[in-house]
Amino acid sequence: MLIGFFLGIIASLIGSFLFIKLFTSFDLSNGLETIKQYGYLGKVVTLGTVLDLLLFLFLLKRNKELMARGVVFAVIVLAITTLFI
């Protein structure tokens, strides 16, 4: 379950990075400051968790239910975190 949690967090970070790179004109360091300044950081993190859904489905297909639970726990932690951002 712990491995799934870390995989979920990493997948969310990668998803957020890909969103910034593909759908905005910002670079990573300047983009994060600008996105945080306008109050969109929580929304970017939320969009980054789309990769967690794919990871969750992949783990279920491979019969790794405990790792999939860790991914769900990571999504819950990220959702609570975005409430405070």
PDB file of N, CA and C in Angstrom:
ATOM      1  N   MET A   1       0.820  -1.188   0.000  1.00  0.00           N
ATOM      2  CA  MET A   1       0.000   0.000   0.000  1.00  0.00           C
ATOM      3  C   MET A   1       0.868   1.258   0.000  1.00  0.00           C
ATOM      4  N   LEU A   2       1.985   1.200   0.684  1.00  0.00           N
ATOM      5  CA  LEU A   2       2.898   2.335   0.728  1.00  0.00           C
ATOM      6  C   LEU A   2       3.501   2.610  -0.651  1.00  0.00           C
ATOM      7  N   ILE A   3       3.826   1.559  -1.368  1.00  0.00           N
ATOM      8  CA  ILE A   3       4.366   1.722  -2.723  1.00  0.00           C
ATOM      9  C   ILE A   3       3.327   2.378  -3.620  1.00  0.00           C
ATOM     10  N   GLY A   4       2.078   1.970  -3.504  1.00  0.00           N
ATOM     11  CA  GLY A   4       1.002   2.568  -4.283  1.00  0.00           C
ATOM     12  C   GLY A   4       0.809   4.036  -3.945  1.00  0.00           C
ATOM     13  N   PHE A   5       0.963   4.373  -2.659  1.00  0.00           N
ATOM     14  CA  PHE A   5       0.852   5.771  -2.249  1.00  0.00           C
ATOM     15  C   PHE A   5       1.927   6.612  -2.927  1.00  0.00           C
ATOM     16  N   PHE A   6       3.167   6.136  -2.873  1.00  0.00           N
ATOM     17  CA  PHE A   6       4.253   6.891  -3.503  1.00  0.00           C
ATOM     18  C   PHE A   6       4.096   6.942  -5.017  1.00  0.00           C
ATOM     19  N   LEU A   7       3.631   5.866  -5.619  1.00  0.00           N
ATOM     20  CA  LEU A   7       3.378   5.880  -7.061  1.00  0.00           C
ATOM     21  C   LEU A   7       2.286   6.887  -7.412  1.00  0.00           C
ATOM     22  N   GLY A   8       1.272   6.981  -6.575  1.00  0.00           N
ATOM     23  CA  GLY A   8       0.200   7.941  -6.806  1.00  0.00           C
ATOM     24  C   GLY A   8       0.680   9.376  -6.714  1.00  0.00           C
ATOM     25  N   ILE A   9       1.521   9.666  -5.732  1.00  0.00           N
ATOM     26  CA  ILE A   9       2.071  11.016  -5.591  1.00  0.00           C
ATOM     27  C   ILE A   9       2.964  11.354  -6.779  1.00  0.00           C
ATOM     28  N   ILE A  10       3.806  10.410  -7.176  1.00  0.00           N
ATOM     29  CA  ILE A  10       4.707  10.639  -8.317  1.00  0.00           C
ATOM     30  C   ILE A  10       3.915  10.817  -9.602  1.00  0.00           C
ATOM     31  N   ALA A  11       2.878  10.011  -9.806  1.00  0.00           N
ATOM     32  CA  ALA A  11       2.050  10.140 -11.005  1.00  0.00           C
ATOM     33  C   ALA A  11       1.357  11.498 -11.035  1.00  0.00           C
ATOM     34  N   SER A  12       0.932  11.979  -9.895  1.00  0.00           N
ATOM     35  CA  SER A  12       0.298  13.297  -9.834  1.00  0.00           C
ATOM     36  C   SER A  12       1.293  14.409 -10.161  1.00  0.00           C
ATOM     37  N   LEU A  13       2.500  14.297  -9.657  1.00  0.00           N
ATOM     38  CA  LEU A  13       3.528  15.295  -9.967  1.00  0.00           C
ATOM     39  C   LEU A  13       3.875  15.287 -11.452  1.00  0.00           C
ATOM     40  N   ILE A  14       3.979  14.103 -12.024  1.00  0.00           N
ATOM     41  CA  ILE A  14       4.264  13.999 -13.454  1.00  0.00           C
ATOM     42  C   ILE A  14       3.102  14.562 -14.270  1.00  0.00           C
ATOM     43  N   GLY A  15       1.873  14.278 -13.854  1.00  0.00           N
ATOM     44  CA  GLY A  15       0.711  14.808 -14.550  1.00  0.00           C
ATOM     45  C   GLY A  15       0.643  16.328 -14.481  1.00  0.00           C
ATOM     46  N   SER A  16       0.975  16.891 -13.329  1.00  0.00           N
ATOM     47  CA  SER A  16       0.992  18.350 -13.201  1.00  0.00           C
ATOM     48  C   SER A  16       2.081  18.956 -14.077  1.00  0.00           C
ATOM     49  N   PHE A  17       3.245  18.325 -14.099  1.00  0.00           N
ATOM     50  CA  PHE A  17       4.341  18.796 -14.947  1.00  0.00           C
ATOM     51  C   PHE A  17       3.938  18.749 -16.413  1.00  0.00           C
ATOM     52  N   LEU A  18       3.327  17.641 -16.839  1.00  0.00           N
ATOM     53  CA  LEU A  18       2.911  17.527 -18.234  1.00  0.00           C
ATOM     54  C   LEU A  18       1.835  18.552 -18.589  1.00  0.00           C
ATOM     55  N   PHE A  19       0.922  18.817 -17.664  1.00  0.00           N
ATOM     56  CA  PHE A  19      -0.098  19.826 -17.924  1.00  0.00           C
ATOM     57  C   PHE A  19       0.533  21.193 -18.126  1.00  0.00           C
ATOM     58  N   ILE A  20       1.490  21.548 -17.270  1.00  0.00           N
ATOM     59  CA  ILE A  20       2.139  22.852 -17.401  1.00  0.00           C
ATOM     60  C   ILE A  20       2.914  22.932 -18.710  1.00  0.00           C
ATOM     61  N   LYS A  21       3.615  21.873 -19.058  1.00  0.00           N
ATOM     62  CA  LYS A  21       4.434  21.892 -20.271  1.00  0.00           C
ATOM     63  C   LYS A  21       3.605  21.868 -21.549  1.00  0.00           C
ATOM     64  N   LEU A  22       2.527  21.077 -21.570  1.00  0.00           N
ATOM     65  CA  LEU A  22       1.780  20.889 -22.809  1.00  0.00           C
ATOM     66  C   LEU A  22       0.686  21.934 -23.031  1.00  0.00           C
ATOM     67  N   PHE A  23       0.056  22.401 -21.985  1.00  0.00           N
ATOM     68  CA  PHE A  23      -1.123  23.235 -22.158  1.00  0.00           C
ATOM     69  C   PHE A  23      -0.947  24.688 -21.729  1.00  0.00           C
ATOM     70  N   THR A  24       0.227  25.061 -21.254  1.00  0.00           N
ATOM     71  CA  THR A  24       0.486  26.454 -20.917  1.00  0.00           C
ATOM     72  C   THR A  24       1.759  26.900 -21.617  1.00  0.00           C
ATOM     73  N   SER A  25       1.966  28.196 -21.651  1.00  0.00           N
ATOM     74  CA  SER A  25       3.175  28.730 -22.291  1.00  0.00           C
ATOM     75  C   SER A  25       4.284  29.006 -21.280  1.00  0.00           C
ATOM     76  N   PHE A  26       4.105  28.548 -20.035  1.00  0.00           N
ATOM     77  CA  PHE A  26       5.089  28.793 -18.984  1.00  0.00           C
ATOM     78  C   PHE A  26       6.147  27.698 -18.975  1.00  0.00           C
ATOM     79  N   ASP A  27       7.335  28.059 -18.462  1.00  0.00           N
ATOM     80  CA  ASP A  27       8.299  27.018 -18.141  1.00  0.00           C
ATOM     81  C   ASP A  27       8.021  26.583 -16.699  1.00  0.00           C
ATOM     82  N   LEU A  28       8.720  25.581 -16.220  1.00  0.00           N
ATOM     83  CA  LEU A  28       8.348  24.976 -14.936  1.00  0.00           C
ATOM     84  C   LEU A  28       8.538  25.922 -13.758  1.00  0.00           C
ATOM     85  N   SER A  29       9.704  26.531 -13.611  1.00  0.00           N
ATOM     86  CA  SER A  29       9.957  27.365 -12.425  1.00  0.00           C
ATOM     87  C   SER A  29       9.145  28.658 -12.472  1.00  0.00           C
ATOM     88  N   ASN A  30       9.136  29.326 -13.602  1.00  0.00           N
ATOM     89  CA  ASN A  30       8.362  30.563 -13.731  1.00  0.00           C
ATOM     90  C   ASN A  30       6.866  30.261 -13.722  1.00  0.00           C
ATOM     91  N   GLY A  31       6.474  29.168 -14.320  1.00  0.00           N
ATOM     92  CA  GLY A  31       5.066  28.805 -14.395  1.00  0.00           C
ATOM     93  C   GLY A  31       4.458  28.502 -13.042  1.00  0.00           C
ATOM     94  N   LEU A  32       5.188  27.799 -12.188  1.00  0.00           N
ATOM     95  CA  LEU A  32       4.665  27.477 -10.857  1.00  0.00           C
ATOM     96  C   LEU A  32       4.449  28.728 -10.023  1.00  0.00           C
ATOM     97  N   GLU A  33       5.369  29.674 -10.121  1.00  0.00           N
ATOM     98  CA  GLU A  33       5.205  30.920  -9.366  1.00  0.00           C
ATOM     99  C   GLU A  33       4.004  31.710  -9.875  1.00  0.00           C
ATOM    100  N   THR A  34       3.859  31.774 -11.183  1.00  0.00           N
ATOM    101  CA  THR A  34       2.741  32.512 -11.763  1.00  0.00           C
ATOM    102  C   THR A  34       1.416  31.832 -11.456  1.00  0.00           C
ATOM    103  N   ILE A  35       1.374  30.515 -11.578  1.00  0.00           N
ATOM    104  CA  ILE A  35       0.152  29.767 -11.293  1.00  0.00           C
ATOM    105  C   ILE A  35      -0.214  29.894  -9.818  1.00  0.00           C
ATOM    106  N   LYS A  36       0.780  29.848  -8.952  1.00  0.00           N
ATOM    107  CA  LYS A  36       0.522  30.010  -7.515  1.00  0.00           C
ATOM    108  C   LYS A  36       0.054  31.428  -7.204  1.00  0.00           C
ATOM    109  N   GLN A  37       0.618  32.415  -7.899  1.00  0.00           N
ATOM    110  CA  GLN A  37       0.251  33.808  -7.679  1.00  0.00           C
ATOM    111  C   GLN A  37      -1.218  34.046  -8.031  1.00  0.00           C
ATOM    112  N   TYR A  38      -1.696  33.443  -9.109  1.00  0.00           N
ATOM    113  CA  TYR A  38      -3.085  33.623  -9.517  1.00  0.00           C
ATOM    114  C   TYR A  38      -4.040  32.669  -8.803  1.00  0.00           C
ATOM    115  N   GLY A  39      -3.528  31.769  -7.984  1.00  0.00           N
ATOM    116  CA  GLY A  39      -4.377  30.878  -7.206  1.00  0.00           C
ATOM    117  C   GLY A  39      -4.845  29.640  -7.955  1.00  0.00           C
ATOM    118  N   TYR A  40      -4.123  29.252  -8.982  1.00  0.00           N
ATOM    119  CA  TYR A  40      -4.509  28.090  -9.782  1.00  0.00           C
ATOM    120  C   TYR A  40      -3.725  26.830  -9.440  1.00  0.00           C
ATOM    121  N   LEU A  41      -2.884  26.867  -8.433  1.00  0.00           N
ATOM    122  CA  LEU A  41      -2.024  25.721  -8.133  1.00  0.00           C
ATOM    123  C   LEU A  41      -2.841  24.499  -7.733  1.00  0.00           C
ATOM    124  N   GLY A  42      -3.878  24.687  -6.949  1.00  0.00           N
ATOM    125  CA  GLY A  42      -4.738  23.564  -6.565  1.00  0.00           C
ATOM    126  C   GLY A  42      -5.411  22.933  -7.768  1.00  0.00           C
ATOM    127  N   LYS A  43      -5.808  23.746  -8.720  1.00  0.00           N
ATOM    128  CA  LYS A  43      -6.457  23.224  -9.923  1.00  0.00           C
ATOM    129  C   LYS A  43      -5.477  22.453 -10.792  1.00  0.00           C
ATOM    130  N   VAL A  44      -4.238  22.918 -10.858  1.00  0.00           N
ATOM    131  CA  VAL A  44      -3.219  22.204 -11.636  1.00  0.00           C
ATOM    132  C   VAL A  44      -2.901  20.861 -10.997  1.00  0.00           C
ATOM    133  N   VAL A  45      -2.816  20.818  -9.672  1.00  0.00           N
ATOM    134  CA  VAL A  45      -2.570  19.552  -8.976  1.00  0.00           C
ATOM    135  C   VAL A  45      -3.740  18.602  -9.197  1.00  0.00           C
ATOM    136  N   THR A  46      -4.955  19.143  -9.177  1.00  0.00           N
ATOM    137  CA  THR A  46      -6.131  18.316  -9.411  1.00  0.00           C
ATOM    138  C   THR A  46      -6.129  17.742 -10.817  1.00  0.00           C
ATOM    139  N   LEU A  47      -5.768  18.538 -11.795  1.00  0.00           N
ATOM    140  CA  LEU A  47      -5.678  18.026 -13.165  1.00  0.00           C
ATOM    141  C   LEU A  47      -4.545  17.014 -13.310  1.00  0.00           C
ATOM    142  N   GLY A  48      -3.510  17.163 -12.513  1.00  0.00           N
ATOM    143  CA  GLY A  48      -2.399  16.219 -12.553  1.00  0.00           C
ATOM    144  C   GLY A  48      -2.767  14.846 -12.029  1.00  0.00           C
ATOM    145  N   THR A  49      -3.817  14.763 -11.229  1.00  0.00           N
ATOM    146  CA  THR A  49      -4.216  13.468 -10.683  1.00  0.00           C
ATOM    147  C   THR A  49      -4.967  12.596 -11.684  1.00  0.00           C
ATOM    148  N   VAL A  50      -5.162  13.084 -12.892  1.00  0.00           N
ATOM    149  CA  VAL A  50      -5.788  12.249 -13.930  1.00  0.00           C
ATOM    150  C   VAL A  50      -4.916  11.018 -14.205  1.00  0.00           C
ATOM    151  N   LEU A  51      -3.610  11.178 -14.114  1.00  0.00           N
ATOM    152  CA  LEU A  51      -2.717  10.031 -14.310  1.00  0.00           C
ATOM    153  C   LEU A  51      -2.905   8.984 -13.220  1.00  0.00           C
ATOM    154  N   ASP A  52      -3.351   9.408 -12.043  1.00  0.00           N
ATOM    155  CA  ASP A  52      -3.619   8.448 -10.974  1.00  0.00           C
ATOM    156  C   ASP A  52      -4.749   7.502 -11.352  1.00  0.00           C
ATOM    157  N   LEU A  53      -5.719   8.009 -12.086  1.00  0.00           N
ATOM    158  CA  LEU A  53      -6.810   7.147 -12.547  1.00  0.00           C
ATOM    159  C   LEU A  53      -6.276   6.055 -13.470  1.00  0.00           C
ATOM    160  N   LEU A  54      -5.408   6.435 -14.381  1.00  0.00           N
ATOM    161  CA  LEU A  54      -4.807   5.445 -15.276  1.00  0.00           C
ATOM    162  C   LEU A  54      -3.952   4.442 -14.512  1.00  0.00           C
ATOM    163  N   LEU A  55      -3.202   4.929 -13.545  1.00  0.00           N
ATOM    164  CA  LEU A  55      -2.382   4.048 -12.714  1.00  0.00           C
ATOM    165  C   LEU A  55      -3.249   3.102 -11.907  1.00  0.00           C
ATOM    166  N   PHE A  56      -4.354   3.615 -11.357  1.00  0.00           N
ATOM    167  CA  PHE A  56      -5.283   2.796 -10.587  1.00  0.00           C
ATOM    168  C   PHE A  56      -5.855   1.666 -11.452  1.00  0.00           C
ATOM    169  N   LEU A  57      -6.303   1.997 -12.652  1.00  0.00           N
ATOM    170  CA  LEU A  57      -6.860   0.976 -13.544  1.00  0.00           C
ATOM    171  C   LEU A  57      -5.803  -0.047 -13.959  1.00  0.00           C
ATOM    172  N   PHE A  58      -4.569   0.421 -14.184  1.00  0.00           N
ATOM    173  CA  PHE A  58      -3.479  -0.490 -14.535  1.00  0.00           C
ATOM    174  C   PHE A  58      -3.191  -1.462 -13.396  1.00  0.00           C
ATOM    175  N   LEU A  59      -3.162  -0.956 -12.171  1.00  0.00           N
ATOM    176  CA  LEU A  59      -2.875  -1.820 -11.021  1.00  0.00           C
ATOM    177  C   LEU A  59      -4.006  -2.817 -10.783  1.00  0.00           C
ATOM    178  N   LEU A  60      -5.241  -2.412 -10.996  1.00  0.00           N
ATOM    179  CA  LEU A  60      -6.347  -3.357 -10.853  1.00  0.00           C
ATOM    180  C   LEU A  60      -6.294  -4.450 -11.911  1.00  0.00           C
ATOM    181  N   LYS A  61      -5.893  -4.072 -13.110  1.00  0.00           N
ATOM    182  CA  LYS A  61      -5.785  -5.065 -14.182  1.00  0.00           C
ATOM    183  C   LYS A  61      -4.691  -6.093 -13.876  1.00  0.00           C
ATOM    184  N   ARG A  62      -3.642  -5.665 -13.184  1.00  0.00           N
ATOM    185  CA  ARG A  62      -2.533  -6.550 -12.798  1.00  0.00           C
ATOM    186  C   ARG A  62      -2.776  -7.263 -11.470  1.00  0.00           C
ATOM    187  N   ASN A  63      -3.978  -7.132 -10.895  1.00  0.00           N
ATOM    188  CA  ASN A  63      -4.350  -7.755  -9.621  1.00  0.00           C
ATOM    189  C   ASN A  63      -3.462  -7.298  -8.458  1.00  0.00           C
ATOM    190  N   LYS A  64      -3.161  -6.027  -8.425  1.00  0.00           N
ATOM    191  CA  LYS A  64      -2.386  -5.414  -7.335  1.00  0.00           C
ATOM    192  C   LYS A  64      -3.321  -4.517  -6.534  1.00  0.00           C
ATOM    193  N   GLU A  65      -4.255  -5.142  -5.812  1.00  0.00           N
ATOM    194  CA  GLU A  65      -5.299  -4.390  -5.132  1.00  0.00           C
ATOM    195  C   GLU A  65      -4.751  -3.511  -4.012  1.00  0.00           C
ATOM    196  N   LEU A  66      -3.761  -3.989  -3.286  1.00  0.00           N
ATOM    197  CA  LEU A  66      -3.209  -3.178  -2.193  1.00  0.00           C
ATOM    198  C   LEU A  66      -2.487  -1.942  -2.718  1.00  0.00           C
ATOM    199  N   MET A  67      -1.773  -2.095  -3.819  1.00  0.00           N
ATOM    200  CA  MET A  67      -1.121  -0.934  -4.417  1.00  0.00           C
ATOM    201  C   MET A  67      -2.164   0.041  -4.953  1.00  0.00           C
ATOM    202  N   ALA A  68      -3.260  -0.476  -5.491  1.00  0.00           N
ATOM    203  CA  ALA A  68      -4.341   0.385  -5.974  1.00  0.00           C
ATOM    204  C   ALA A  68      -4.973   1.152  -4.817  1.00  0.00           C
ATOM    205  N   ARG A  69      -5.086   0.519  -3.647  1.00  0.00           N
ATOM    206  CA  ARG A  69      -5.592   1.222  -2.467  1.00  0.00           C
ATOM    207  C   ARG A  69      -4.660   2.366  -2.078  1.00  0.00           C
ATOM    208  N   GLY A  70      -3.360   2.144  -2.222  1.00  0.00           N
ATOM    209  CA  GLY A  70      -2.392   3.203  -1.941  1.00  0.00           C
ATOM    210  C   GLY A  70      -2.560   4.385  -2.877  1.00  0.00           C
ATOM    211  N   VAL A  71      -2.886   4.109  -4.140  1.00  0.00           N
ATOM    212  CA  VAL A  71      -3.127   5.187  -5.106  1.00  0.00           C
ATOM    213  C   VAL A  71      -4.369   5.973  -4.699  1.00  0.00           C
ATOM    214  N   VAL A  72      -5.411   5.274  -4.271  1.00  0.00           N
ATOM    215  CA  VAL A  72      -6.626   5.955  -3.811  1.00  0.00           C
ATOM    216  C   VAL A  72      -6.323   6.807  -2.586  1.00  0.00           C
ATOM    217  N   PHE A  73      -5.514   6.297  -1.678  1.00  0.00           N
ATOM    218  CA  PHE A  73      -5.122   7.063  -0.497  1.00  0.00           C
ATOM    219  C   PHE A  73      -4.339   8.306  -0.905  1.00  0.00           C
ATOM    220  N   ALA A  74      -3.463   8.184  -1.914  1.00  0.00           N
ATOM    221  CA  ALA A  74      -2.709   9.339  -2.400  1.00  0.00           C
ATOM    222  C   ALA A  74      -3.651  10.392  -2.981  1.00  0.00           C
ATOM    223  N   VAL A  75      -4.683   9.961  -3.690  1.00  0.00           N
ATOM    224  CA  VAL A  75      -5.647  10.911  -4.250  1.00  0.00           C
ATOM    225  C   VAL A  75      -6.401  11.623  -3.128  1.00  0.00           C
ATOM    226  N   ILE A  76      -6.748  10.892  -2.077  1.00  0.00           N
ATOM    227  CA  ILE A  76      -7.435  11.508  -0.943  1.00  0.00           C
ATOM    228  C   ILE A  76      -6.532  12.540  -0.267  1.00  0.00           C
ATOM    229  N   VAL A  77      -5.270  12.191  -0.068  1.00  0.00           N
ATOM    230  CA  VAL A  77      -4.322  13.128   0.550  1.00  0.00           C
ATOM    231  C   VAL A  77      -4.134  14.361  -0.334  1.00  0.00           C
ATOM    232  N   LEU A  78      -4.046  14.163  -1.637  1.00  0.00           N
ATOM    233  CA  LEU A  78      -3.898  15.302  -2.538  1.00  0.00           C
ATOM    234  C   LEU A  78      -5.154  16.168  -2.556  1.00  0.00           C
ATOM    235  N   ALA A  79      -6.310  15.551  -2.467  1.00  0.00           N
ATOM    236  CA  ALA A  79      -7.565  16.327  -2.431  1.00  0.00           C
ATOM    237  C   ALA A  79      -7.636  17.188  -1.177  1.00  0.00           C
ATOM    238  N   ILE A  80      -7.252  16.628  -0.051  1.00  0.00           N
ATOM    239  CA  ILE A  80      -7.247  17.412   1.198  1.00  0.00           C
ATOM    240  C   ILE A  80      -6.197  18.509   1.122  1.00  0.00           C
ATOM    241  N   THR A  81      -5.060  18.213   0.506  1.00  0.00           N
ATOM    242  CA  THR A  81      -4.002  19.213   0.371  1.00  0.00           C
ATOM    243  C   THR A  81      -4.452  20.370  -0.510  1.00  0.00           C
ATOM    244  N   THR A  82      -5.161  20.078  -1.591  1.00  0.00           N
ATOM    245  CA  THR A  82      -5.601  21.156  -2.478  1.00  0.00           C
ATOM    246  C   THR A  82      -6.654  22.043  -1.823  1.00  0.00           C
ATOM    247  N   LEU A  83      -7.328  21.542  -0.801  1.00  0.00           N
ATOM    248  CA  LEU A  83      -8.265  22.399  -0.078  1.00  0.00           C
ATOM    249  C   LEU A  83      -7.546  23.519   0.664  1.00  0.00           C
ATOM    250  N   PHE A  84      -6.319  23.242   1.083  1.00  0.00           N
ATOM    251  CA  PHE A  84      -5.562  24.224   1.863  1.00  0.00           C
ATOM    252  C   PHE A  84      -4.614  25.075   1.024  1.00  0.00           C
ATOM    253  N   ILE A  85      -4.498  24.789  -0.250  1.00  0.00           N
ATOM    254  CA  ILE A  85      -3.592  25.573  -1.114  1.00  0.00           C
ATOM    255  C   ILE A  85      -4.277  26.844  -1.552  1.00  0.00           C
TER     256      ILE A  85
END
